[in-house]
Amino acid sequence: MTLARLDHALETGALTLSEAKRIVLLEPAPDADLGVLGSCDLTVQQNLKHAYDQFEAMGVSVTTDATGPADVVHVTLPRSRELARGLLAQAEAIAPGGLVIVDGAKTDGIDAILKFAKSRISIDAQISKAHGRIFWFNAGTGFQDCALPEPAPRTSGWITQPGVFSADGPDAGSEALVAVLPKSLKGRGADLGGGWGYLTRHLLALPGVTHIDLVEADKRALTCAKQNVADERVAFHWADATTWGTGGTLDWIVMNPPFHTSRTPDASLGQDFIRSAARLLRPKGTLILVANRHLPYETTLSSCFANVAELDGDNRFKVLQADQPKAADKPGRAKRR
C-alpha cells in the first residue's frame, strides 16, 4: 500500500487537499509514501510496532492514539470489519466538519465498508484503482455508535478487543500447541507474538517456568494481554519479535507465528520468527512452535537448529520442536520483509 489511490485522486484533481493544514493518517502501511501529501502537518496513528518505528525514523509525528482537531483524516482500511468501523468513528471525532478519506483493497473489504457508509451518510466521491477503492465524505456524526469498544471479556472468558488476532477466543493452532506443551520447559522463556496472552497464561502453569517475556507488535493485543495475565513472572514488551531481545539469553521459546501480510500468505514472517528464536536462545535452548500443516518451516528450522522433530499434528496443524540453536545462526539476522 503506497497510497497509490490517494495519489491518483490528487493527480486527477478529483480530490484536493490544498486547504488542509493538519492531516491525520489512521493505521497507514509502513511503505506508505507520505510525500503525496506535500508539506502539511502530518500525524500518523500506528499500533504495529515495526510500522510505528519506521514512521518515527522518517521524522513523522507518530502515536498509537491520534486526537484532533484535524482538517483531513485518511483511513487505511484494516482487515477487521469492527476495527474499520471504529476507525471511521474516530476519524469523525478527529476532524469535525472536515474531510474523511477511506482507502482500501477489495480483499480487505472496501466494497462492504463503502456500502455500509452509504447507508449512513452521503459520499462525496469514489474512485476505483489498483484493485481497490478510495472514497471520501465530510465528517459528521454518522458513525458515533461504531466507536471501537475497550477490551472486554468475550464469550470464551478471555479479554480481547475487535481488530486483534483471534478476537473471539483462542485460535485452533494455539489450542493444539497448549495440548502438547512439554512439562520439561523451565527457567526463562518467551512467547513471541504472544497476542492477548493465551499461550503465556498456560505456560505459567508449568512448574519449572520462572520468567516469561511476552513479545507482541500489536499495541491493542498487548493491552489485552496485560489484563488476561496477572503474574509477576511476566514482562510485557511492545516490540517486533524478529528484532527484539538480547541474543543467547533464553532457555526456551514458544510461539504461534504469523504467516500473513494483510490477507496475503507470507511464510517469510514465520521464518524470520524462527531465526530470531535461534538468536535469542542459549546453546541448549528449545523452541516449540505451531504452524499450519502446509507452511514450509522445516528447512529454516534445520538450518538454525541441530535437532528438529514434530511433537504432534493433524491434517491442519503441526507442532514442532527444535533444540540446540546453531552458533553460526545466532547473530541477529532477522529482518522484517
C-alpha atoms as a PDB file:
ATOM      1  CA  MET A   1       0.000   0.000   0.000  1.00  0.00           C
ATOM      2  CA  THR A   2       1.842   3.086  -1.263  1.00  0.00           C
ATOM      3  CA  LEU A   3      -1.139   5.497  -1.202  1.00  0.00           C
ATOM      4  CA  ALA A   4      -1.449   4.944  -4.971  1.00  0.00           C
ATOM      5  CA  ARG A   5      -5.205   5.518  -4.934  1.00  0.00           C
ATOM      6  CA  LEU A   6      -4.831   8.754  -2.975  1.00  0.00           C
ATOM      7  CA  ASP A   7      -2.060   9.898  -5.299  1.00  0.00           C
ATOM      8  CA  HIS A   8      -4.283   9.168  -8.305  1.00  0.00           C
ATOM      9  CA  ALA A   9      -7.217  11.107  -6.826  1.00  0.00           C
ATOM     10  CA  LEU A  10      -4.978  14.107  -6.181  1.00  0.00           C
ATOM     11  CA  GLU A  11      -3.229  13.981  -9.559  1.00  0.00           C
ATOM     12  CA  THR A  12      -6.504  13.834 -11.483  1.00  0.00           C
ATOM     13  CA  GLY A  13      -7.995  16.684  -9.470  1.00  0.00           C
ATOM     14  CA  ALA A  14     -10.860  14.549  -8.243  1.00  0.00           C
ATOM     15  CA  LEU A  15      -9.716  15.363  -4.710  1.00  0.00           C
ATOM     16  CA  THR A  16      -7.880  18.424  -3.445  1.00  0.00           C
ATOM     17  CA  LEU A  17      -6.223  18.949  -0.089  1.00  0.00           C
ATOM     18  CA  SER A  18      -4.704  22.349  -0.782  1.00  0.00           C
ATOM     19  CA  GLU A  19      -6.572  23.972   2.113  1.00  0.00           C
ATOM     20  CA  ALA A  20      -5.635  21.314   4.649  1.00  0.00           C
ATOM     21  CA  LYS A  21      -3.263  22.369   7.411  1.00  0.00           C
ATOM     22  CA  ARG A  22      -3.249  19.213   9.534  1.00  0.00           C
ATOM     23  CA  ILE A  23      -3.770  15.699   8.192  1.00  0.00           C
ATOM     24  CA  VAL A  24      -4.034  12.571  10.358  1.00  0.00           C
ATOM     25  CA  LEU A  25      -3.448   9.123   8.865  1.00  0.00           C
ATOM     26  CA  LEU A  26      -5.013   6.212  10.740  1.00  0.00           C
ATOM     27  CA  GLU A  27      -3.078   2.926  10.520  1.00  0.00           C
ATOM     28  CA  PRO A  28      -1.224   3.500   7.210  1.00  0.00           C
ATOM     29  CA  ALA A  29       1.032   0.744   5.902  1.00  0.00           C
ATOM     30  CA  PRO A  30       4.740   1.218   6.692  1.00  0.00           C
ATOM     31  CA  ASP A  31       5.537   1.605   2.986  1.00  0.00           C
ATOM     32  CA  ALA A  32       3.028   4.455   2.543  1.00  0.00           C
ATOM     33  CA  ASP A  33       4.514   7.304   0.513  1.00  0.00           C
ATOM     34  CA  LEU A  34       3.584  10.315   2.618  1.00  0.00           C
ATOM     35  CA  GLY A  35       5.213  12.591   0.063  1.00  0.00           C
ATOM     36  CA  VAL A  36       1.945  12.680  -1.903  1.00  0.00           C
ATOM     37  CA  LEU A  37       0.542  14.847   0.927  1.00  0.00           C
ATOM     38  CA  GLY A  38       3.049  17.633   0.436  1.00  0.00           C
ATOM     39  CA  SER A  39       4.233  19.753   3.342  1.00  0.00           C
ATOM     40  CA  CYS A  40       1.152  19.539   5.563  1.00  0.00           C
ATOM     41  CA  ASP A  41       1.393  18.976   9.304  1.00  0.00           C
ATOM     42  CA  LEU A  42       1.128  15.172   9.393  1.00  0.00           C
ATOM     43  CA  THR A  43       0.335  12.827  12.270  1.00  0.00           C
ATOM     44  CA  VAL A  44       0.309   9.053  11.881  1.00  0.00           C
ATOM     45  CA  GLN A  45      -1.547   6.645  14.152  1.00  0.00           C
ATOM     46  CA  GLN A  46       0.011   3.194  14.082  1.00  0.00           C
ATOM     47  CA  ASN A  47      -0.386   0.341  16.590  1.00  0.00           C
ATOM     48  CA  LEU A  48       2.044  -2.117  14.961  1.00  0.00           C
ATOM     49  CA  LYS A  49       5.484  -1.614  16.444  1.00  0.00           C
ATOM     50  CA  HIS A  50       7.629  -2.170  13.355  1.00  0.00           C
ATOM     51  CA  ALA A  51       5.470   0.279  11.361  1.00  0.00           C
ATOM     52  CA  TYR A  52       5.451   2.776  14.248  1.00  0.00           C
ATOM     53  CA  ASP A  53       9.253   2.653  14.354  1.00  0.00           C
ATOM     54  CA  GLN A  54       9.556   3.151  10.593  1.00  0.00           C
ATOM     55  CA  PHE A  55       7.425   6.292  10.616  1.00  0.00           C
ATOM     56  CA  GLU A  56       9.285   7.602  13.656  1.00  0.00           C
ATOM     57  CA  ALA A  57      12.617   7.041  11.882  1.00  0.00           C
ATOM     58  CA  MET A  58      11.274   9.112   8.979  1.00  0.00           C
ATOM     59  CA  GLY A  59      10.760  12.032  11.352  1.00  0.00           C
ATOM     60  CA  VAL A  60       6.964  11.808  11.180  1.00  0.00           C
ATOM     61  CA  SER A  61       4.861  12.601  14.242  1.00  0.00           C
ATOM     62  CA  VAL A  62       3.510   9.171  15.220  1.00  0.00           C
ATOM     63  CA  THR A  63       1.221   7.978  18.015  1.00  0.00           C
ATOM     64  CA  THR A  64      -0.891   4.952  18.926  1.00  0.00           C
ATOM     65  CA  ASP A  65      -3.996   7.066  19.594  1.00  0.00           C
ATOM     66  CA  ALA A  66      -4.418  10.139  17.403  1.00  0.00           C
ATOM     67  CA  THR A  67      -6.574  13.052  18.506  1.00  0.00           C
ATOM     68  CA  GLY A  68      -7.903  16.170  16.826  1.00  0.00           C
ATOM     69  CA  PRO A  69      -8.529  18.622  15.633  1.00  0.00           C
ATOM     70  CA  ALA A  70      -7.532  17.919  12.035  1.00  0.00           C
ATOM     71  CA  ASP A  71      -8.712  19.134   8.660  1.00  0.00           C
ATOM     72  CA  VAL A  72      -8.396  15.746   6.975  1.00  0.00           C
ATOM     73  CA  VAL A  73      -8.259  12.161   8.244  1.00  0.00           C
ATOM     74  CA  HIS A  74      -7.111   9.351   5.949  1.00  0.00           C
ATOM     75  CA  VAL A  75      -8.177   5.838   6.997  1.00  0.00           C
ATOM     76  CA  THR A  76      -6.305   2.827   5.636  1.00  0.00           C
ATOM     77  CA  LEU A  77      -8.853   0.026   5.769  1.00  0.00           C
ATOM     78  CA  PRO A  78      -7.850  -2.840   8.092  1.00  0.00           C
ATOM     79  CA  ARG A  79      -8.958  -6.448   7.690  1.00  0.00           C
ATOM     80  CA  SER A  80     -11.259  -6.359  10.714  1.00  0.00           C
ATOM     81  CA  ARG A  81     -14.753  -5.034   9.988  1.00  0.00           C
ATOM     82  CA  GLU A  82     -15.239  -3.909  13.593  1.00  0.00           C
ATOM     83  CA  LEU A  83     -11.901  -2.080  13.652  1.00  0.00           C
ATOM     84  CA  ALA A  84     -12.688  -0.455  10.285  1.00  0.00           C
ATOM     85  CA  ARG A  85     -15.957   0.921  11.615  1.00  0.00           C
ATOM     86  CA  GLY A  86     -14.212   2.040  14.783  1.00  0.00           C
ATOM     87  CA  LEU A  87     -11.670   3.973  12.735  1.00  0.00           C
ATOM     88  CA  LEU A  88     -14.496   5.726  10.876  1.00  0.00           C
ATOM     89  CA  ALA A  89     -15.939   6.836  14.211  1.00  0.00           C
ATOM     90  CA  GLN A  90     -12.506   8.009  15.350  1.00  0.00           C
ATOM     91  CA  ALA A  91     -11.962   9.873  12.068  1.00  0.00           C
ATOM     92  CA  GLU A  92     -15.223  11.775  12.522  1.00  0.00           C
ATOM     93  CA  ALA A  93     -14.227  12.718  16.063  1.00  0.00           C
ATOM     94  CA  ILE A  94     -10.781  13.913  14.967  1.00  0.00           C
ATOM     95  CA  ALA A  95     -11.996  16.039  12.054  1.00  0.00           C
ATOM     96  CA  PRO A  96     -15.408  17.524  12.960  1.00  0.00           C
ATOM     97  CA  GLY A  97     -16.666  19.227   9.829  1.00  0.00           C
ATOM     98  CA  GLY A  98     -13.524  18.183   7.967  1.00  0.00           C
ATOM     99  CA  LEU A  99     -12.832  15.548   5.349  1.00  0.00           C
ATOM    100  CA  VAL A 100     -12.592  11.779   5.924  1.00  0.00           C
ATOM    101  CA  ILE A 101     -10.883   9.667   3.240  1.00  0.00           C
ATOM    102  CA  VAL A 102     -11.247   5.878   3.285  1.00  0.00           C
ATOM    103  CA  ASP A 103      -8.769   3.870   1.229  1.00  0.00           C
ATOM    104  CA  GLY A 104      -8.570   0.103   0.906  1.00  0.00           C
ATOM    105  CA  ALA A 105      -8.156  -3.024  -1.169  1.00  0.00           C
ATOM    106  CA  LYS A 106     -11.047  -5.157  -2.305  1.00  0.00           C
ATOM    107  CA  THR A 107      -9.573  -8.108  -0.421  1.00  0.00           C
ATOM    108  CA  ASP A 108      -9.758  -6.093   2.802  1.00  0.00           C
ATOM    109  CA  GLY A 109     -13.456  -5.334   2.369  1.00  0.00           C
ATOM    110  CA  ILE A 110     -13.528  -1.852   0.857  1.00  0.00           C
ATOM    111  CA  ASP A 111     -16.740  -2.568  -1.074  1.00  0.00           C
ATOM    112  CA  ALA A 112     -18.518  -3.704   2.087  1.00  0.00           C
ATOM    113  CA  ILE A 113     -17.408  -0.664   4.099  1.00  0.00           C
ATOM    114  CA  LEU A 114     -18.456   1.639   1.234  1.00  0.00           C
ATOM    115  CA  LYS A 115     -21.920   0.062   1.202  1.00  0.00           C
ATOM    116  CA  PHE A 116     -22.105   0.449   4.984  1.00  0.00           C
ATOM    117  CA  ALA A 117     -21.019   4.088   4.779  1.00  0.00           C
ATOM    118  CA  LYS A 118     -23.595   4.854   2.085  1.00  0.00           C
ATOM    119  CA  SER A 119     -26.327   3.501   4.348  1.00  0.00           C
ATOM    120  CA  ARG A 120     -25.493   6.222   6.892  1.00  0.00           C
ATOM    121  CA  ILE A 121     -24.022   9.240   5.127  1.00  0.00           C
ATOM    122  CA  SER A 122     -23.642  10.948   1.756  1.00  0.00           C
ATOM    123  CA  ILE A 123     -20.421  10.093  -0.069  1.00  0.00           C
ATOM    124  CA  ASP A 124     -18.739  12.968  -1.921  1.00  0.00           C
ATOM    125  CA  ALA A 125     -16.972  10.791  -4.488  1.00  0.00           C
ATOM    126  CA  GLN A 126     -15.286   7.453  -5.060  1.00  0.00           C
ATOM    127  CA  ILE A 127     -12.570   6.119  -7.363  1.00  0.00           C
ATOM    128  CA  SER A 128     -11.586   2.547  -8.214  1.00  0.00           C
ATOM    129  CA  LYS A 129      -7.873   1.979  -8.688  1.00  0.00           C
ATOM    130  CA  ALA A 130      -5.170  -0.639  -8.051  1.00  0.00           C
ATOM    131  CA  HIS A 131      -7.527  -3.476  -7.062  1.00  0.00           C
ATOM    132  CA  GLY A 132      -9.246  -1.287  -4.503  1.00  0.00           C
ATOM    133  CA  ARG A 133     -11.233   1.834  -3.940  1.00  0.00           C
ATOM    134  CA  ILE A 134     -10.975   5.230  -2.299  1.00  0.00           C
ATOM    135  CA  PHE A 135     -13.921   7.364  -1.210  1.00  0.00           C
ATOM    136  CA  TRP A 136     -14.379  10.477   0.881  1.00  0.00           C
ATOM    137  CA  PHE A 137     -17.041  12.425   2.744  1.00  0.00           C
ATOM    138  CA  ASN A 138     -17.495  15.374   5.068  1.00  0.00           C
ATOM    139  CA  ALA A 139     -17.244  14.320   8.701  1.00  0.00           C
ATOM    140  CA  GLY A 140     -20.471  14.446  10.677  1.00  0.00           C
ATOM    141  CA  THR A 141     -22.000  12.098  13.221  1.00  0.00           C
ATOM    142  CA  GLY A 142     -22.843   9.091  11.043  1.00  0.00           C
ATOM    143  CA  PHE A 143     -20.599   6.628  12.863  1.00  0.00           C
ATOM    144  CA  GLN A 144     -20.787   7.708  16.507  1.00  0.00           C
ATOM    145  CA  ASP A 145     -22.195   4.330  17.566  1.00  0.00           C
ATOM    146  CA  CYS A 146     -19.303   2.479  15.869  1.00  0.00           C
ATOM    147  CA  ALA A 147     -16.520   3.585  18.241  1.00  0.00           C
ATOM    148  CA  LEU A 148     -14.084   0.775  18.948  1.00  0.00           C
ATOM    149  CA  PRO A 149     -15.010  -0.738  22.316  1.00  0.00           C
ATOM    150  CA  GLU A 150     -12.493  -1.051  25.107  1.00  0.00           C
ATOM    151  CA  PRO A 151     -11.040  -4.521  25.819  1.00  0.00           C
ATOM    152  CA  ALA A 152     -13.707  -6.687  27.421  1.00  0.00           C
ATOM    153  CA  PRO A 153     -14.399 -10.366  28.221  1.00  0.00           C
ATOM    154  CA  ARG A 154     -15.697 -12.391  25.289  1.00  0.00           C
ATOM    155  CA  THR A 155     -17.914 -15.451  25.488  1.00  0.00           C
ATOM    156  CA  SER A 156     -14.709 -17.501  25.771  1.00  0.00           C
ATOM    157  CA  GLY A 157     -13.929 -15.674  29.032  1.00  0.00           C
ATOM    158  CA  TRP A 158     -10.786 -14.049  27.622  1.00  0.00           C
ATOM    159  CA  ILE A 159     -10.426 -10.281  27.421  1.00  0.00           C
ATOM    160  CA  THR A 160      -9.911  -9.165  23.819  1.00  0.00           C
ATOM    161  CA  GLN A 161     -10.814  -6.279  21.525  1.00  0.00           C
ATOM    162  CA  PRO A 162     -12.159  -6.184  17.957  1.00  0.00           C
ATOM    163  CA  GLY A 163      -9.321  -5.947  15.477  1.00  0.00           C
ATOM    164  CA  VAL A 164      -6.776  -8.092  17.308  1.00  0.00           C
ATOM    165  CA  PHE A 165      -5.907 -11.546  16.004  1.00  0.00           C
ATOM    166  CA  SER A 166      -8.449 -14.191  17.026  1.00  0.00           C
ATOM    167  CA  ALA A 167     -10.590 -11.665  18.881  1.00  0.00           C
ATOM    168  CA  ASP A 168     -13.430 -14.113  19.538  1.00  0.00           C
ATOM    169  CA  GLY A 169     -11.308 -16.546  21.545  1.00  0.00           C
ATOM    170  CA  PRO A 170      -8.310 -18.901  21.282  1.00  0.00           C
ATOM    171  CA  ASP A 171      -7.388 -19.936  17.746  1.00  0.00           C
ATOM    172  CA  ALA A 172      -7.236 -23.635  16.949  1.00  0.00           C
ATOM    173  CA  GLY A 173      -3.478 -23.617  16.358  1.00  0.00           C
ATOM    174  CA  SER A 174      -2.707 -22.218  19.801  1.00  0.00           C
ATOM    175  CA  GLU A 175      -5.075 -24.724  21.376  1.00  0.00           C
ATOM    176  CA  ALA A 176      -3.234 -27.547  19.583  1.00  0.00           C
ATOM    177  CA  LEU A 177       0.089 -26.253  20.928  1.00  0.00           C
ATOM    178  CA  VAL A 178      -1.182 -25.941  24.503  1.00  0.00           C
ATOM    179  CA  ALA A 179      -2.395 -29.543  24.414  1.00  0.00           C
ATOM    180  CA  VAL A 180       1.159 -30.848  23.961  1.00  0.00           C
ATOM    181  CA  LEU A 181       3.288 -28.291  25.810  1.00  0.00           C
ATOM    182  CA  PRO A 182       6.307 -30.155  27.216  1.00  0.00           C
ATOM    183  CA  LYS A 183       6.194 -30.171  31.012  1.00  0.00           C
ATOM    184  CA  SER A 184      10.004 -30.078  30.931  1.00  0.00           C
ATOM    185  CA  LEU A 185      10.170 -26.388  29.969  1.00  0.00           C
ATOM    186  CA  LYS A 186      11.832 -24.490  32.791  1.00  0.00           C
ATOM    187  CA  GLY A 187      13.702 -21.309  33.525  1.00  0.00           C
ATOM    188  CA  ARG A 188      13.403 -18.130  31.455  1.00  0.00           C
ATOM    189  CA  GLY A 189      11.491 -18.133  28.223  1.00  0.00           C
ATOM    190  CA  ALA A 190       9.471 -16.058  25.803  1.00  0.00           C
ATOM    191  CA  ASP A 191       6.164 -16.103  23.978  1.00  0.00           C
ATOM    192  CA  LEU A 192       6.999 -14.451  20.648  1.00  0.00           C
ATOM    193  CA  GLY A 193       3.996 -12.834  19.026  1.00  0.00           C
ATOM    194  CA  GLY A 194       2.091 -13.523  22.232  1.00  0.00           C
ATOM    195  CA  GLY A 195      -1.096 -11.721  21.213  1.00  0.00           C
ATOM    196  CA  TRP A 196      -3.585 -11.271  24.035  1.00  0.00           C
ATOM    197  CA  GLY A 197      -1.882 -13.768  26.307  1.00  0.00           C
ATOM    198  CA  TYR A 198      -3.437 -17.191  25.719  1.00  0.00           C
ATOM    199  CA  LEU A 199      -0.173 -19.143  25.449  1.00  0.00           C
ATOM    200  CA  THR A 200       1.542 -17.194  28.216  1.00  0.00           C
ATOM    201  CA  ARG A 201      -1.164 -17.948  30.755  1.00  0.00           C
ATOM    202  CA  HIS A 202      -0.886 -21.665  30.010  1.00  0.00           C
ATOM    203  CA  LEU A 203       2.907 -21.538  30.158  1.00  0.00           C
ATOM    204  CA  LEU A 204       2.696 -20.083  33.666  1.00  0.00           C
ATOM    205  CA  ALA A 205       1.076 -23.344  34.781  1.00  0.00           C
ATOM    206  CA  LEU A 206       4.258 -25.304  34.029  1.00  0.00           C
ATOM    207  CA  PRO A 207       6.100 -25.936  37.323  1.00  0.00           C
ATOM    208  CA  GLY A 208       9.598 -25.053  36.129  1.00  0.00           C
ATOM    209  CA  VAL A 209       8.838 -21.729  34.439  1.00  0.00           C
ATOM    210  CA  THR A 210      10.400 -18.794  36.303  1.00  0.00           C
ATOM    211  CA  HIS A 211      10.007 -15.918  33.816  1.00  0.00           C
ATOM    212  CA  ILE A 212       8.192 -15.196  30.549  1.00  0.00           C
ATOM    213  CA  ASP A 213       8.766 -12.334  28.129  1.00  0.00           C
ATOM    214  CA  LEU A 214       5.536 -11.785  26.201  1.00  0.00           C
ATOM    215  CA  VAL A 215       6.544 -10.012  22.990  1.00  0.00           C
ATOM    216  CA  GLU A 216       3.780  -8.554  20.823  1.00  0.00           C
ATOM    217  CA  ALA A 217       3.868  -5.999  17.999  1.00  0.00           C
ATOM    218  CA  ASP A 218       0.162  -5.057  18.148  1.00  0.00           C
ATOM    219  CA  LYS A 219      -0.358  -2.482  20.903  1.00  0.00           C
ATOM    220  CA  ARG A 220      -4.069  -3.298  21.180  1.00  0.00           C
ATOM    221  CA  ALA A 221      -3.375  -7.010  21.656  1.00  0.00           C
ATOM    222  CA  LEU A 222      -0.683  -6.264  24.239  1.00  0.00           C
ATOM    223  CA  THR A 223      -3.135  -4.116  26.216  1.00  0.00           C
ATOM    224  CA  CYS A 224      -5.482  -7.106  26.333  1.00  0.00           C
ATOM    225  CA  ALA A 225      -2.654  -9.438  27.368  1.00  0.00           C
ATOM    226  CA  LYS A 226      -1.884  -7.286  30.391  1.00  0.00           C
ATOM    227  CA  GLN A 227      -5.459  -7.802  31.543  1.00  0.00           C
ATOM    228  CA  ASN A 228      -5.505 -11.540  30.819  1.00  0.00           C
ATOM    229  CA  VAL A 229      -2.193 -12.310  32.542  1.00  0.00           C
ATOM    230  CA  ALA A 230      -1.574 -11.076  36.065  1.00  0.00           C
ATOM    231  CA  ASP A 231       1.661 -12.648  37.255  1.00  0.00           C
ATOM    232  CA  GLU A 232       4.901 -11.051  38.423  1.00  0.00           C
ATOM    233  CA  ARG A 233       6.868 -13.598  36.395  1.00  0.00           C
ATOM    234  CA  VAL A 234       5.708 -11.980  33.139  1.00  0.00           C
ATOM    235  CA  ALA A 235       7.277  -8.972  31.416  1.00  0.00           C
ATOM    236  CA  PHE A 236       5.347  -7.353  28.559  1.00  0.00           C
ATOM    237  CA  HIS A 237       7.141  -5.946  25.526  1.00  0.00           C
ATOM    238  CA  TRP A 238       5.623  -3.886  22.717  1.00  0.00           C
ATOM    239  CA  ALA A 239       8.161  -4.970  20.130  1.00  0.00           C
ATOM    240  CA  ASP A 240       8.815  -6.661  16.802  1.00  0.00           C
ATOM    241  CA  ALA A 241       9.639 -10.255  17.717  1.00  0.00           C
ATOM    242  CA  THR A 242      12.017 -10.573  14.766  1.00  0.00           C
ATOM    243  CA  THR A 243      14.373  -7.925  16.174  1.00  0.00           C
ATOM    244  CA  TRP A 244      13.616  -7.904  19.911  1.00  0.00           C
ATOM    245  CA  GLY A 245      15.869  -9.019  22.706  1.00  0.00           C
ATOM    246  CA  THR A 246      19.442  -9.919  23.581  1.00  0.00           C
ATOM    247  CA  GLY A 247      20.974 -12.964  21.948  1.00  0.00           C
ATOM    248  CA  GLY A 248      21.664 -16.136  23.886  1.00  0.00           C
ATOM    249  CA  THR A 249      19.631 -15.281  26.998  1.00  0.00           C
ATOM    250  CA  LEU A 250      16.581 -17.603  26.963  1.00  0.00           C
ATOM    251  CA  ASP A 251      16.106 -21.243  27.893  1.00  0.00           C
ATOM    252  CA  TRP A 252      13.029 -21.766  25.723  1.00  0.00           C
ATOM    253  CA  ILE A 253      10.656 -20.035  23.329  1.00  0.00           C
ATOM    254  CA  VAL A 254       7.070 -20.904  22.445  1.00  0.00           C
ATOM    255  CA  MET A 255       5.230 -19.297  19.559  1.00  0.00           C
ATOM    256  CA  ASN A 256       2.402 -19.347  17.053  1.00  0.00           C
ATOM    257  CA  PRO A 257       3.992 -17.060  14.449  1.00  0.00           C
ATOM    258  CA  PRO A 258       2.004 -15.007  11.920  1.00  0.00           C
ATOM    259  CA  PHE A 259       2.037 -16.028   8.288  1.00  0.00           C
ATOM    260  CA  HIS A 260       0.069 -13.289   6.547  1.00  0.00           C
ATOM    261  CA  THR A 261       0.824  -9.751   5.412  1.00  0.00           C
ATOM    262  CA  SER A 262      -2.695  -8.321   5.361  1.00  0.00           C
ATOM    263  CA  ARG A 263      -4.538 -11.157   3.593  1.00  0.00           C
ATOM    264  CA  THR A 264      -1.527 -12.298   1.566  1.00  0.00           C
ATOM    265  CA  PRO A 265       0.137 -15.537   2.749  1.00  0.00           C
ATOM    266  CA  ASP A 266       3.754 -14.809   3.664  1.00  0.00           C
ATOM    267  CA  ALA A 267       5.737 -17.709   5.096  1.00  0.00           C
ATOM    268  CA  SER A 268       8.797 -15.471   5.443  1.00  0.00           C
ATOM    269  CA  LEU A 269       7.267 -13.905   8.573  1.00  0.00           C
ATOM    270  CA  GLY A 270       7.279 -17.222  10.406  1.00  0.00           C
ATOM    271  CA  GLN A 271      10.752 -17.983   9.068  1.00  0.00           C
ATOM    272  CA  ASP A 272      12.004 -14.682  10.498  1.00  0.00           C
ATOM    273  CA  PHE A 273      10.447 -15.618  13.854  1.00  0.00           C
ATOM    274  CA  ILE A 274      12.380 -18.902  13.738  1.00  0.00           C
ATOM    275  CA  ARG A 275      15.670 -17.129  13.027  1.00  0.00           C
ATOM    276  CA  SER A 276      15.007 -14.695  15.839  1.00  0.00           C
ATOM    277  CA  ALA A 277      14.309 -17.594  18.222  1.00  0.00           C
ATOM    278  CA  ALA A 278      17.617 -19.216  17.290  1.00  0.00           C
ATOM    279  CA  ARG A 279      19.367 -15.926  18.021  1.00  0.00           C
ATOM    280  CA  LEU A 280      17.687 -15.475  21.410  1.00  0.00           C
ATOM    281  CA  LEU A 281      18.126 -18.986  22.792  1.00  0.00           C
ATOM    282  CA  ARG A 282      21.012 -20.318  24.835  1.00  0.00           C
ATOM    283  CA  PRO A 283      23.146 -23.105  23.304  1.00  0.00           C
ATOM    284  CA  LYS A 284      20.910 -25.831  24.761  1.00  0.00           C
ATOM    285  CA  GLY A 285      17.689 -23.908  24.294  1.00  0.00           C
ATOM    286  CA  THR A 286      14.392 -25.234  22.945  1.00  0.00           C
ATOM    287  CA  LEU A 287      11.852 -23.797  20.529  1.00  0.00           C
ATOM    288  CA  ILE A 288       8.260 -25.054  20.399  1.00  0.00           C
ATOM    289  CA  LEU A 289       6.032 -23.715  17.640  1.00  0.00           C
ATOM    290  CA  VAL A 290       2.726 -24.460  15.977  1.00  0.00           C
ATOM    291  CA  ALA A 291       2.085 -23.879  12.298  1.00  0.00           C
ATOM    292  CA  ASN A 292      -0.420 -24.697   9.598  1.00  0.00           C
ATOM    293  CA  ARG A 293       0.492 -28.007   8.017  1.00  0.00           C
ATOM    294  CA  HIS A 294       1.376 -26.506   4.607  1.00  0.00           C
ATOM    295  CA  LEU A 295       3.866 -23.913   5.854  1.00  0.00           C
ATOM    296  CA  PRO A 296       7.489 -24.711   4.831  1.00  0.00           C
ATOM    297  CA  TYR A 297       9.251 -24.147   8.138  1.00  0.00           C
ATOM    298  CA  GLU A 298      11.272 -27.352   8.434  1.00  0.00           C
ATOM    299  CA  THR A 299      14.096 -26.199   6.151  1.00  0.00           C
ATOM    300  CA  THR A 300      14.565 -22.986   8.118  1.00  0.00           C
ATOM    301  CA  LEU A 301      14.409 -24.891  11.403  1.00  0.00           C
ATOM    302  CA  SER A 302      17.049 -27.368  10.228  1.00  0.00           C
ATOM    303  CA  SER A 303      19.348 -24.546   9.151  1.00  0.00           C
ATOM    304  CA  CYS A 304      19.043 -22.881  12.564  1.00  0.00           C
ATOM    305  CA  PHE A 305      18.858 -25.836  14.994  1.00  0.00           C
ATOM    306  CA  ALA A 306      20.743 -29.085  15.476  1.00  0.00           C
ATOM    307  CA  ASN A 307      17.616 -31.157  16.225  1.00  0.00           C
ATOM    308  CA  VAL A 308      14.115 -30.787  14.763  1.00  0.00           C
ATOM    309  CA  ALA A 309      11.128 -33.045  15.375  1.00  0.00           C
ATOM    310  CA  GLU A 310       7.344 -32.995  15.090  1.00  0.00           C
ATOM    311  CA  LEU A 311       5.732 -33.330  18.510  1.00  0.00           C
ATOM    312  CA  ASP A 312       2.162 -33.649  17.327  1.00  0.00           C
ATOM    313  CA  GLY A 313      -0.134 -32.736  14.494  1.00  0.00           C
ATOM    314  CA  ASP A 314      -3.058 -33.481  12.234  1.00  0.00           C
ATOM    315  CA  ASN A 315      -4.085 -32.530   8.722  1.00  0.00           C
ATOM    316  CA  ARG A 316      -4.432 -28.851   9.779  1.00  0.00           C
ATOM    317  CA  PHE A 317      -1.567 -28.159  12.183  1.00  0.00           C
ATOM    318  CA  LYS A 318       1.870 -29.360  13.171  1.00  0.00           C
ATOM    319  CA  VAL A 319       3.592 -28.720  16.495  1.00  0.00           C
ATOM    320  CA  LEU A 320       7.347 -28.671  16.018  1.00  0.00           C
ATOM    321  CA  GLN A 321      10.220 -28.783  18.500  1.00  0.00           C
ATOM    322  CA  ALA A 322      13.720 -27.551  17.701  1.00  0.00           C
ATOM    323  CA  ASP A 323      16.678 -27.864  20.085  1.00  0.00           C
ATOM    324  CA  GLN A 324      20.229 -26.505  20.253  1.00  0.00           C
ATOM    325  CA  PRO A 325      20.460 -23.416  18.038  1.00  0.00           C
ATOM    326  CA  LYS A 326      23.439 -23.497  15.742  1.00  0.00           C
ATOM    327  CA  ALA A 327      26.125 -20.996  16.729  1.00  0.00           C
ATOM    328  CA  ALA A 328      26.541 -19.719  13.173  1.00  0.00           C
ATOM    329  CA  ASP A 329      22.927 -18.557  13.158  1.00  0.00           C
ATOM    330  CA  LYS A 330      22.942 -16.773  16.499  1.00  0.00           C
ATOM    331  CA  PRO A 331      23.951 -13.239  15.382  1.00  0.00           C
ATOM    332  CA  GLY A 332      20.918 -11.017  14.785  1.00  0.00           C
ATOM    333  CA  ARG A 333      19.981 -11.506  11.168  1.00  0.00           C
ATOM    334  CA  ALA A 334      16.220 -11.267  11.405  1.00  0.00           C
ATOM    335  CA  LYS A 335      14.762  -8.506   9.257  1.00  0.00           C
ATOM    336  CA  ARG A 336      11.082  -7.882   8.617  1.00  0.00           C
ATOM    337  CA  ARG A 337      10.416  -8.306   4.941  1.00  0.00           C
END
